[in-house]
Amino acid sequence: MPSPTSFADGTPIWVDLASSSPADARAFYEGVFGWSSDVSGEEYGGYVMFSSGESVVAGLGTNRDPDSAPDAWMIYLASKDLDRTAAAIGNSHGQVIVEPMDIPQMGRMLVAVDATGAVFGVWQPTGMNGFDVVGEDNAPAWFELLTTDYKTAIGFYTRAFGVVTEIMGDDDDFRYSQILDGDAEVAGIMDASRFLPEGVPSHWSVYFQVEDTDATIERVTRLGGRVVQPAENTPYGRLATVTDTTGAQFKLIADVE
């Protein structure tokens, strides 16, 4: 997949991890994906930028209150006008929980909850334009909302961001829509009301593409992570769900030959 050069409003533009143990997380993800990392200065709170080769692919920040908010990966959606998006989120029955803030020379961000309870970020770039690559090995490949209220979720992202969606399936066994950026499929919204465990809210997930799912799982477990859903072949690739050393969950996907 070619490197993205621009991102339509409401499409994934960045991912980062809030970790209660950032030094351990840095070592873990470098070991799992072969990433290199660069630590920013004090003005950016020691934020870490992960790269795969020469391409920036993800970030890492400190989770200072893990008792209230467990360590987790955050998906950021693009906005060309953050203040307008913040208003649209409220008008679409969502809630902004971290007000728009400036990140000097980088961009503007906020954190919000959608109308079904899923937390996500919004990023308006001014200097840091988002991840450099998508859909390459050791980089983000797919972004998916698992929601307990599918119809409300579709309506929320359509109203708040103006996204265009395309239905992939619409029955009780598989109800799923894709978010489009032009002709490109960039994210999915899944009706998870029948299988999310009680007490687990709607949430966004990130898939990282790898060359070999099973070999990556071996590195995950050797470095202190764990397997949530073992690897299985699907029409979309060989998938698995794993966590890092503090429980932050992410997914793996590899092509099936």
C-alpha atoms as a PDB file:
ATOM      1  CA  MET A   1       0.000   0.000   0.000  1.00  0.00           C
ATOM      2  CA  PRO A   2       1.473   3.409  -0.913  1.00  0.00           C
ATOM      3  CA  SER A   3       2.487   5.836   1.808  1.00  0.00           C
ATOM      4  CA  PRO A   4      -0.355   8.174   2.745  1.00  0.00           C
ATOM      5  CA  THR A   5       0.125  11.790   1.732  1.00  0.00           C
ATOM      6  CA  SER A   6      -3.099  13.183   3.160  1.00  0.00           C
ATOM      7  CA  PHE A   7      -5.930  11.964   5.355  1.00  0.00           C
ATOM      8  CA  ALA A   8      -9.628  12.717   4.902  1.00  0.00           C
ATOM      9  CA  ASP A   9     -11.506  13.845   8.006  1.00  0.00           C
ATOM     10  CA  GLY A  10     -12.489  10.883  10.166  1.00  0.00           C
ATOM     11  CA  THR A  11      -9.889   8.480   8.764  1.00  0.00           C
ATOM     12  CA  PRO A  12      -7.109   7.033  10.965  1.00  0.00           C
ATOM     13  CA  ILE A  13      -3.998   9.209  10.949  1.00  0.00           C
ATOM     14  CA  TRP A  14      -1.999   8.096  14.005  1.00  0.00           C
ATOM     15  CA  VAL A  15      -1.766   5.532  16.807  1.00  0.00           C
ATOM     16  CA  ASP A  16      -0.028   5.756  20.137  1.00  0.00           C
ATOM     17  CA  LEU A  17       0.243   3.786  23.338  1.00  0.00           C
ATOM     18  CA  ALA A  18      -0.364   5.169  26.820  1.00  0.00           C
ATOM     19  CA  SER A  19       1.802   2.972  29.050  1.00  0.00           C
ATOM     20  CA  SER A  20       2.296   2.938  32.804  1.00  0.00           C
ATOM     21  CA  SER A  21       5.770   1.502  32.154  1.00  0.00           C
ATOM     22  CA  PRO A  22       7.085   3.330  29.072  1.00  0.00           C
ATOM     23  CA  ALA A  23      10.670   2.056  29.374  1.00  0.00           C
ATOM     24  CA  ASP A  24       9.435  -1.552  29.399  1.00  0.00           C
ATOM     25  CA  ALA A  25       6.989  -0.825  26.571  1.00  0.00           C
ATOM     26  CA  ARG A  26       9.744   0.700  24.482  1.00  0.00           C
ATOM     27  CA  ALA A  27      11.896  -2.408  24.853  1.00  0.00           C
ATOM     28  CA  PHE A  28       8.935  -4.723  24.240  1.00  0.00           C
ATOM     29  CA  TYR A  29       7.826  -3.174  20.945  1.00  0.00           C
ATOM     30  CA  GLU A  30      11.381  -2.793  19.687  1.00  0.00           C
ATOM     31  CA  GLY A  31      11.802  -6.513  20.336  1.00  0.00           C
ATOM     32  CA  VAL A  32       8.479  -7.580  18.825  1.00  0.00           C
ATOM     33  CA  PHE A  33       8.497  -5.459  15.656  1.00  0.00           C
ATOM     34  CA  GLY A  34      12.145  -4.503  15.266  1.00  0.00           C
ATOM     35  CA  TRP A  35      11.241  -0.838  15.670  1.00  0.00           C
ATOM     36  CA  SER A  36      13.717   1.880  16.533  1.00  0.00           C
ATOM     37  CA  SER A  37      12.667   4.710  18.815  1.00  0.00           C
ATOM     38  CA  ASP A  38      13.433   8.358  19.421  1.00  0.00           C
ATOM     39  CA  VAL A  39      12.655  10.137  22.699  1.00  0.00           C
ATOM     40  CA  SER A  40      11.492  13.751  22.492  1.00  0.00           C
ATOM     41  CA  GLY A  41      12.600  16.535  24.799  1.00  0.00           C
ATOM     42  CA  GLU A  42      11.012  17.714  28.031  1.00  0.00           C
ATOM     43  CA  GLU A  43       8.730  20.111  26.147  1.00  0.00           C
ATOM     44  CA  TYR A  44       6.967  17.024  24.723  1.00  0.00           C
ATOM     45  CA  GLY A  45       6.976  15.078  27.989  1.00  0.00           C
ATOM     46  CA  GLY A  46       9.468  12.480  26.780  1.00  0.00           C
ATOM     47  CA  TYR A  47       7.066  11.239  24.094  1.00  0.00           C
ATOM     48  CA  VAL A  48       8.560   8.403  22.035  1.00  0.00           C
ATOM     49  CA  MET A  49       8.291   8.067  18.264  1.00  0.00           C
ATOM     50  CA  PHE A  50       8.612   4.527  16.917  1.00  0.00           C
ATOM     51  CA  SER A  51       9.970   3.932  13.421  1.00  0.00           C
ATOM     52  CA  SER A  52      10.085   0.894  11.166  1.00  0.00           C
ATOM     53  CA  GLY A  53      13.169   1.454   9.060  1.00  0.00           C
ATOM     54  CA  GLU A  54      12.984   5.108   8.027  1.00  0.00           C
ATOM     55  CA  SER A  55       9.192   5.331   8.439  1.00  0.00           C
ATOM     56  CA  VAL A  56       7.506   6.736  11.544  1.00  0.00           C
ATOM     57  CA  VAL A  57       4.692   4.350  12.496  1.00  0.00           C
ATOM     58  CA  ALA A  58       3.484   4.945  16.086  1.00  0.00           C
ATOM     59  CA  GLY A  59       3.986   6.810  19.357  1.00  0.00           C
ATOM     60  CA  LEU A  60       4.374   6.078  23.065  1.00  0.00           C
ATOM     61  CA  GLY A  61       3.433   8.261  26.012  1.00  0.00           C
ATOM     62  CA  THR A  62       3.173   7.808  29.769  1.00  0.00           C
ATOM     63  CA  ASN A  63      -0.081   6.680  31.364  1.00  0.00           C
ATOM     64  CA  ARG A  64       0.032   8.523  34.680  1.00  0.00           C
ATOM     65  CA  ASP A  65      -3.237   7.141  36.062  1.00  0.00           C
ATOM     66  CA  PRO A  66      -3.505   3.445  35.121  1.00  0.00           C
ATOM     67  CA  ASP A  67      -5.993   2.779  37.934  1.00  0.00           C
ATOM     68  CA  SER A  68      -8.544   4.993  36.170  1.00  0.00           C
ATOM     69  CA  ALA A  69      -7.558   4.260  32.568  1.00  0.00           C
ATOM     70  CA  PRO A  70      -5.722   0.975  31.834  1.00  0.00           C
ATOM     71  CA  ASP A  71      -2.817   1.028  29.405  1.00  0.00           C
ATOM     72  CA  ALA A  72      -4.157   1.032  25.846  1.00  0.00           C
ATOM     73  CA  TRP A  73      -3.480   1.909  22.248  1.00  0.00           C
ATOM     74  CA  MET A  74      -5.301   5.018  21.005  1.00  0.00           C
ATOM     75  CA  ILE A  75      -6.460   5.499  17.424  1.00  0.00           C
ATOM     76  CA  TYR A  76      -6.492   9.112  16.203  1.00  0.00           C
ATOM     77  CA  LEU A  77      -8.796  10.275  13.426  1.00  0.00           C
ATOM     78  CA  ALA A  78      -7.850  13.099  11.103  1.00  0.00           C
ATOM     79  CA  SER A  79      -9.348  16.587  11.191  1.00  0.00           C
ATOM     80  CA  LYS A  80      -8.544  19.647   9.130  1.00  0.00           C
ATOM     81  CA  ASP A  81     -10.270  21.910  11.683  1.00  0.00           C
ATOM     82  CA  LEU A  82     -10.085  20.619  15.245  1.00  0.00           C
ATOM     83  CA  ASP A  83     -12.377  23.226  16.772  1.00  0.00           C
ATOM     84  CA  ARG A  84     -15.088  22.519  14.234  1.00  0.00           C
ATOM     85  CA  THR A  85     -14.681  18.774  14.829  1.00  0.00           C
ATOM     86  CA  ALA A  86     -14.922  19.254  18.609  1.00  0.00           C
ATOM     87  CA  ALA A  87     -18.248  21.047  18.158  1.00  0.00           C
ATOM     88  CA  ALA A  88     -19.478  18.377  15.737  1.00  0.00           C
ATOM     89  CA  ILE A  89     -18.614  15.610  18.224  1.00  0.00           C
ATOM     90  CA  GLY A  90     -20.791  17.265  20.871  1.00  0.00           C
ATOM     91  CA  ASN A  91     -23.586  17.877  18.381  1.00  0.00           C
ATOM     92  CA  SER A  92     -23.491  14.176  17.427  1.00  0.00           C
ATOM     93  CA  HIS A  93     -24.019  12.925  21.017  1.00  0.00           C
ATOM     94  CA  GLY A  94     -20.332  12.309  21.674  1.00  0.00           C
ATOM     95  CA  GLN A  95     -18.221  14.026  24.321  1.00  0.00           C
ATOM     96  CA  VAL A  96     -14.826  15.712  24.219  1.00  0.00           C
ATOM     97  CA  ILE A  97     -12.942  14.583  27.346  1.00  0.00           C
ATOM     98  CA  VAL A  98      -9.578  16.238  26.620  1.00  0.00           C
ATOM     99  CA  GLU A  99     -10.124  19.677  25.142  1.00  0.00           C
ATOM    100  CA  PRO A 100      -8.254  20.766  22.004  1.00  0.00           C
ATOM    101  CA  MET A 101      -4.616  21.456  22.764  1.00  0.00           C
ATOM    102  CA  ASP A 102      -1.628  22.615  20.752  1.00  0.00           C
ATOM    103  CA  ILE A 103       1.462  20.448  20.409  1.00  0.00           C
ATOM    104  CA  PRO A 104       4.122  22.960  19.319  1.00  0.00           C
ATOM    105  CA  GLN A 105       5.381  22.461  15.757  1.00  0.00           C
ATOM    106  CA  MET A 106       3.500  19.174  15.537  1.00  0.00           C
ATOM    107  CA  GLY A 107      -0.275  19.648  15.491  1.00  0.00           C
ATOM    108  CA  ARG A 108      -3.422  19.942  17.564  1.00  0.00           C
ATOM    109  CA  MET A 109      -5.215  17.114  19.367  1.00  0.00           C
ATOM    110  CA  LEU A 110      -8.208  16.198  21.474  1.00  0.00           C
ATOM    111  CA  VAL A 111      -9.592  13.031  23.024  1.00  0.00           C
ATOM    112  CA  ALA A 112     -13.269  12.148  22.818  1.00  0.00           C
ATOM    113  CA  VAL A 113     -15.843   9.445  23.466  1.00  0.00           C
ATOM    114  CA  ASP A 114     -18.210   8.557  20.640  1.00  0.00           C
ATOM    115  CA  ALA A 115     -21.950   8.118  21.020  1.00  0.00           C
ATOM    116  CA  THR A 116     -21.505   4.413  21.883  1.00  0.00           C
ATOM    117  CA  GLY A 117     -18.779   4.861  24.516  1.00  0.00           C
ATOM    118  CA  ALA A 118     -15.612   4.242  22.454  1.00  0.00           C
ATOM    119  CA  VAL A 119     -12.619   6.469  23.240  1.00  0.00           C
ATOM    120  CA  PHE A 120     -10.605   7.907  20.347  1.00  0.00           C
ATOM    121  CA  GLY A 121      -8.293  10.791  19.581  1.00  0.00           C
ATOM    122  CA  VAL A 122      -8.406  13.443  16.880  1.00  0.00           C
ATOM    123  CA  TRP A 123      -5.295  14.913  15.271  1.00  0.00           C
ATOM    124  CA  GLN A 124      -4.952  18.050  13.157  1.00  0.00           C
ATOM    125  CA  PRO A 125      -1.438  18.060  11.743  1.00  0.00           C
ATOM    126  CA  THR A 126       0.670  21.183  11.471  1.00  0.00           C
ATOM    127  CA  GLY A 127       4.128  19.583  11.368  1.00  0.00           C
ATOM    128  CA  MET A 128       3.713  15.881  12.178  1.00  0.00           C
ATOM    129  CA  ASN A 129       1.477  14.552   9.447  1.00  0.00           C
ATOM    130  CA  GLY A 130       0.689  11.126  10.896  1.00  0.00           C
ATOM    131  CA  PHE A 131       2.171   7.719  10.228  1.00  0.00           C
ATOM    132  CA  ASP A 132       4.401   7.450   7.184  1.00  0.00           C
ATOM    133  CA  VAL A 133       3.208   4.040   5.999  1.00  0.00           C
ATOM    134  CA  VAL A 134       0.158   1.807   6.350  1.00  0.00           C
ATOM    135  CA  GLY A 135      -0.216  -1.824   5.408  1.00  0.00           C
ATOM    136  CA  GLU A 136       3.472  -2.711   5.375  1.00  0.00           C
ATOM    137  CA  ASP A 137       5.200  -5.216   7.655  1.00  0.00           C
ATOM    138  CA  ASN A 138       5.735  -3.876  11.188  1.00  0.00           C
ATOM    139  CA  ALA A 139       3.404  -0.932  10.617  1.00  0.00           C
ATOM    140  CA  PRO A 140      -0.276  -0.264  11.288  1.00  0.00           C
ATOM    141  CA  ALA A 141      -2.459  -2.075   8.772  1.00  0.00           C
ATOM    142  CA  TRP A 142      -6.096  -1.774   9.856  1.00  0.00           C
ATOM    143  CA  PHE A 143      -8.240   0.044  12.413  1.00  0.00           C
ATOM    144  CA  GLU A 144     -11.526  -1.299  13.710  1.00  0.00           C
ATOM    145  CA  LEU A 145     -14.298  -0.117  15.973  1.00  0.00           C
ATOM    146  CA  LEU A 146     -16.055  -2.881  17.897  1.00  0.00           C
ATOM    147  CA  THR A 147     -19.317  -1.317  18.970  1.00  0.00           C
ATOM    148  CA  THR A 148     -22.270  -2.364  21.071  1.00  0.00           C
ATOM    149  CA  ASP A 149     -24.554  -0.049  19.063  1.00  0.00           C
ATOM    150  CA  TYR A 150     -23.722  -0.366  15.390  1.00  0.00           C
ATOM    151  CA  LYS A 151     -26.413   1.915  13.976  1.00  0.00           C
ATOM    152  CA  THR A 152     -25.574   4.700  16.428  1.00  0.00           C
ATOM    153  CA  ALA A 153     -21.849   4.353  15.674  1.00  0.00           C
ATOM    154  CA  ILE A 154     -22.377   4.682  11.927  1.00  0.00           C
ATOM    155  CA  GLY A 155     -24.522   7.754  12.494  1.00  0.00           C
ATOM    156  CA  PHE A 156     -22.004   9.319  14.864  1.00  0.00           C
ATOM    157  CA  TYR A 157     -18.967   9.120  12.578  1.00  0.00           C
ATOM    158  CA  THR A 158     -21.030  10.144   9.567  1.00  0.00           C
ATOM    159  CA  ARG A 159     -22.320  13.267  11.325  1.00  0.00           C
ATOM    160  CA  ALA A 160     -19.220  14.218  13.307  1.00  0.00           C
ATOM    161  CA  PHE A 161     -16.664  13.707  10.525  1.00  0.00           C
ATOM    162  CA  GLY A 162     -18.619  13.338   7.295  1.00  0.00           C
ATOM    163  CA  VAL A 163     -17.114   9.901   6.650  1.00  0.00           C
ATOM    164  CA  VAL A 164     -18.332   7.736   3.804  1.00  0.00           C
ATOM    165  CA  THR A 165     -19.095   4.124   4.734  1.00  0.00           C
ATOM    166  CA  GLU A 166     -19.689   1.002   2.685  1.00  0.00           C
ATOM    167  CA  ILE A 167     -21.592  -2.037   3.987  1.00  0.00           C
ATOM    168  CA  MET A 168     -19.706  -5.347   3.872  1.00  0.00           C
ATOM    169  CA  GLY A 169     -22.263  -7.442   5.724  1.00  0.00           C
ATOM    170  CA  ASP A 170     -25.669  -6.777   7.248  1.00  0.00           C
ATOM    171  CA  ASP A 171     -27.010  -9.795   9.086  1.00  0.00           C
ATOM    172  CA  ASP A 172     -26.865 -10.933  12.692  1.00  0.00           C
ATOM    173  CA  ASP A 173     -23.796 -13.109  12.080  1.00  0.00           C
ATOM    174  CA  PHE A 174     -21.724 -10.378  10.424  1.00  0.00           C
ATOM    175  CA  ARG A 175     -22.738  -6.733  10.454  1.00  0.00           C
ATOM    176  CA  TYR A 176     -19.832  -4.607   9.273  1.00  0.00           C
ATOM    177  CA  SER A 177     -19.136  -1.385   7.399  1.00  0.00           C
ATOM    178  CA  GLN A 178     -15.907   0.052   6.086  1.00  0.00           C
ATOM    179  CA  ILE A 179     -14.845   3.689   6.251  1.00  0.00           C
ATOM    180  CA  LEU A 180     -13.564   4.909   2.896  1.00  0.00           C
ATOM    181  CA  ASP A 181     -10.988   7.519   1.932  1.00  0.00           C
ATOM    182  CA  GLY A 182     -11.825   7.964  -1.714  1.00  0.00           C
ATOM    183  CA  ASP A 183     -11.719   4.441  -3.117  1.00  0.00           C
ATOM    184  CA  ALA A 184      -9.460   3.156  -0.329  1.00  0.00           C
ATOM    185  CA  GLU A 185     -10.829   1.095   2.570  1.00  0.00           C
ATOM    186  CA  VAL A 186      -9.155   2.501   5.696  1.00  0.00           C
ATOM    187  CA  ALA A 187     -11.100   1.320   8.763  1.00  0.00           C
ATOM    188  CA  GLY A 188     -14.002  -0.839   9.852  1.00  0.00           C
ATOM    189  CA  ILE A 189     -17.018  -0.620  12.146  1.00  0.00           C
ATOM    190  CA  MET A 190     -18.260  -3.962  13.471  1.00  0.00           C
ATOM    191  CA  ASP A 191     -21.467  -4.806  15.297  1.00  0.00           C
ATOM    192  CA  ALA A 192     -19.995  -6.486  18.391  1.00  0.00           C
ATOM    193  CA  SER A 193     -23.152  -6.459  20.478  1.00  0.00           C
ATOM    194  CA  ARG A 194     -23.448 -10.255  20.354  1.00  0.00           C
ATOM    195  CA  PHE A 195     -19.921 -11.155  21.429  1.00  0.00           C
ATOM    196  CA  LEU A 196     -18.342  -8.390  23.522  1.00  0.00           C
ATOM    197  CA  PRO A 197     -18.205  -9.663  27.117  1.00  0.00           C
ATOM    198  CA  GLU A 198     -20.431  -7.945  29.632  1.00  0.00           C
ATOM    199  CA  GLY A 199     -18.745  -4.852  30.969  1.00  0.00           C
ATOM    200  CA  VAL A 200     -16.419  -4.433  27.966  1.00  0.00           C
ATOM    201  CA  PRO A 201     -17.314  -1.131  26.275  1.00  0.00           C
ATOM    202  CA  SER A 202     -17.204  -0.243  22.615  1.00  0.00           C
ATOM    203  CA  HIS A 203     -13.590   0.346  21.627  1.00  0.00           C
ATOM    204  CA  TRP A 204     -11.189   0.920  18.753  1.00  0.00           C
ATOM    205  CA  SER A 205      -8.474  -1.634  17.908  1.00  0.00           C
ATOM    206  CA  VAL A 206      -5.296  -1.436  15.833  1.00  0.00           C
ATOM    207  CA  TYR A 207      -3.899  -4.251  13.688  1.00  0.00           C
ATOM    208  CA  PHE A 208      -0.166  -4.352  12.984  1.00  0.00           C
ATOM    209  CA  GLN A 209       0.909  -6.165   9.846  1.00  0.00           C
ATOM    210  CA  VAL A 210       3.683  -8.730  10.259  1.00  0.00           C
ATOM    211  CA  GLU A 211       5.438 -11.168   7.995  1.00  0.00           C
ATOM    212  CA  ASP A 212       4.614 -14.187  10.172  1.00  0.00           C
ATOM    213  CA  THR A 213       1.887 -14.080  12.826  1.00  0.00           C
ATOM    214  CA  ASP A 214       3.094 -17.174  14.674  1.00  0.00           C
ATOM    215  CA  ALA A 215       6.702 -16.032  14.839  1.00  0.00           C
ATOM    216  CA  THR A 216       5.540 -12.645  16.123  1.00  0.00           C
ATOM    217  CA  ILE A 217       3.430 -14.318  18.812  1.00  0.00           C
ATOM    218  CA  GLU A 218       6.515 -16.219  19.928  1.00  0.00           C
ATOM    219  CA  ARG A 219       8.358 -12.923  20.398  1.00  0.00           C
ATOM    220  CA  VAL A 220       5.373 -11.404  22.214  1.00  0.00           C
ATOM    221  CA  THR A 221       5.227 -14.203  24.782  1.00  0.00           C
ATOM    222  CA  ARG A 222       9.007 -14.453  25.171  1.00  0.00           C
ATOM    223  CA  LEU A 223       9.141 -10.729  25.959  1.00  0.00           C
ATOM    224  CA  GLY A 224       6.386 -10.935  28.576  1.00  0.00           C
ATOM    225  CA  GLY A 225       3.178 -10.343  26.620  1.00  0.00           C
ATOM    226  CA  ARG A 226       0.331 -12.808  26.350  1.00  0.00           C
ATOM    227  CA  VAL A 227      -2.056 -14.245  23.786  1.00  0.00           C
ATOM    228  CA  VAL A 228      -5.745 -13.265  24.002  1.00  0.00           C
ATOM    229  CA  GLN A 229      -6.935 -14.924  20.787  1.00  0.00           C
ATOM    230  CA  PRO A 230      -4.619 -17.490  19.166  1.00  0.00           C
ATOM    231  CA  ALA A 231      -3.633 -17.179  15.521  1.00  0.00           C
ATOM    232  CA  GLU A 232      -6.205 -18.317  12.987  1.00  0.00           C
ATOM    233  CA  ASN A 233      -6.536 -18.145   9.233  1.00  0.00           C
ATOM    234  CA  THR A 234      -9.352 -15.932   7.963  1.00  0.00           C
ATOM    235  CA  PRO A 235     -10.331 -14.577   4.535  1.00  0.00           C
ATOM    236  CA  TYR A 236      -8.436 -11.412   5.498  1.00  0.00           C
ATOM    237  CA  GLY A 237      -5.178 -12.985   6.715  1.00  0.00           C
ATOM    238  CA  ARG A 238      -3.781 -14.865   9.687  1.00  0.00           C
ATOM    239  CA  LEU A 239      -5.034 -12.940  12.718  1.00  0.00           C
ATOM    240  CA  ALA A 240      -4.273 -12.963  16.429  1.00  0.00           C
ATOM    241  CA  THR A 241      -4.923 -10.748  19.439  1.00  0.00           C
ATOM    242  CA  VAL A 242      -2.162 -10.222  21.997  1.00  0.00           C
ATOM    243  CA  THR A 243      -1.149  -7.864  24.786  1.00  0.00           C
ATOM    244  CA  ASP A 244       2.092  -6.263  25.865  1.00  0.00           C
ATOM    245  CA  THR A 245       3.625  -6.618  29.339  1.00  0.00           C
ATOM    246  CA  THR A 246       1.115  -4.307  31.051  1.00  0.00           C
ATOM    247  CA  GLY A 247      -1.994  -5.568  29.258  1.00  0.00           C
ATOM    248  CA  ALA A 248      -2.363  -3.110  26.379  1.00  0.00           C
ATOM    249  CA  GLN A 249      -4.084  -5.072  23.621  1.00  0.00           C
ATOM    250  CA  PHE A 250      -3.317  -5.050  19.906  1.00  0.00           C
ATOM    251  CA  LYS A 251      -3.867  -7.306  16.922  1.00  0.00           C
ATOM    252  CA  LEU A 252      -1.577  -8.968  14.407  1.00  0.00           C
ATOM    253  CA  ILE A 253      -2.301  -9.707  10.768  1.00  0.00           C
ATOM    254  CA  ALA A 254      -0.194 -11.471   8.129  1.00  0.00           C
ATOM    255  CA  ASP A 255      -0.923 -12.570   4.596  1.00  0.00           C
ATOM    256  CA  VAL A 256      -1.845 -16.224   4.149  1.00  0.00           C
ATOM    257  CA  GLU A 257      -0.148 -17.898   1.211  1.00  0.00           C
END
